[in-house]
Amino acid sequence: MPLRLQPDQHYVEGIGYVIGDFTCRFNARSSQIRCAINPFGPCQDCSHYQQKPLED
C-alpha cells in the first residue's frame, strides 16, 4: 500500500514526517496533530502563528 501524505506533511531530517507549519513554535512535530492550539489546522493564516526561534 503506498504511503498517503497529508497536503501539509513534510519530512524533517532527524524527526521524520510532521504535519503543519514546522516554522511555527507551536508545531507539535508530529505526524498526527499540528499543534495544541489548532490541532486539526489549517496552519495557513492561523492567528496564533509565532515563528520558532532560531536554534544555536
Protein backbone atom coordinates (compact mmCIF):
# COMPACT_ATOMS: atom_id res chain seq x y z
CA MET A 1 0.00 0.00 0.00
CA PRO A 2 1.51 3.37 -0.97
CA LEU A 3 2.18 6.00 1.68
CA ARG A 4 -0.51 8.70 1.71
CA LEU A 5 0.76 12.09 2.75
CA GLN A 6 -1.33 14.95 4.08
CA PRO A 7 -1.12 18.08 1.89
CA ASP A 8 0.89 19.83 4.61
CA GLN A 9 3.02 16.83 5.62
CA HIS A 10 6.79 17.22 5.29
CA TYR A 11 9.81 15.08 6.04
CA VAL A 12 12.22 16.64 8.56
CA GLU A 13 15.66 15.07 8.87
CA GLY A 14 16.15 13.51 12.29
CA ILE A 15 12.44 13.72 13.18
CA GLY A 16 10.50 12.07 10.35
CA TYR A 17 7.19 13.16 8.88
CA VAL A 18 5.44 16.10 10.51
CA ILE A 19 2.26 17.92 9.58
CA GLY A 20 1.62 21.62 9.76
CA ASP A 21 3.96 24.58 9.57
CA PHE A 22 7.27 23.42 11.04
CA THR A 23 8.47 27.05 11.33
CA CYS A 24 5.80 27.76 13.97
CA ARG A 25 6.88 27.50 17.60
CA PHE A 26 3.61 25.70 18.43
CA ASN A 27 4.07 22.91 15.86
CA ALA A 28 3.77 19.54 17.62
CA ARG A 29 6.46 17.95 15.43
CA SER A 30 4.08 15.03 14.97
CA SER A 31 2.56 13.10 12.10
CA GLN A 32 -0.76 13.00 14.00
CA ILE A 33 -1.54 16.59 15.11
CA ARG A 34 -0.34 20.01 14.03
CA CYS A 35 -0.24 21.80 17.40
CA ALA A 36 -2.02 22.11 20.77
CA ILE A 37 -3.69 25.39 19.80
CA ASN A 38 -5.05 24.36 16.39
CA PRO A 39 -4.56 20.55 16.19
CA PHE A 40 -6.67 19.96 13.09
CA GLY A 41 -5.50 23.05 11.19
CA PRO A 42 -5.22 24.60 8.84
CA CYS A 43 -1.93 26.31 9.63
CA GLN A 44 -2.23 28.78 6.78
CA ASP A 45 -3.36 32.16 8.13
CA CYS A 46 -3.57 30.85 11.73
CA SER A 47 -3.88 33.79 14.12
CA HIS A 48 -1.69 32.00 16.71
CA TYR A 49 1.35 31.62 14.43
CA GLN A 50 4.65 32.58 16.06
CA GLN A 51 7.92 32.00 14.28
CA LYS A 52 10.09 29.42 16.02
CA PRO A 53 13.27 30.98 17.48
CA LEU A 54 16.48 30.06 15.73
CA GLU A 55 18.41 27.28 17.46
CA ASP A 56 22.11 27.76 18.08
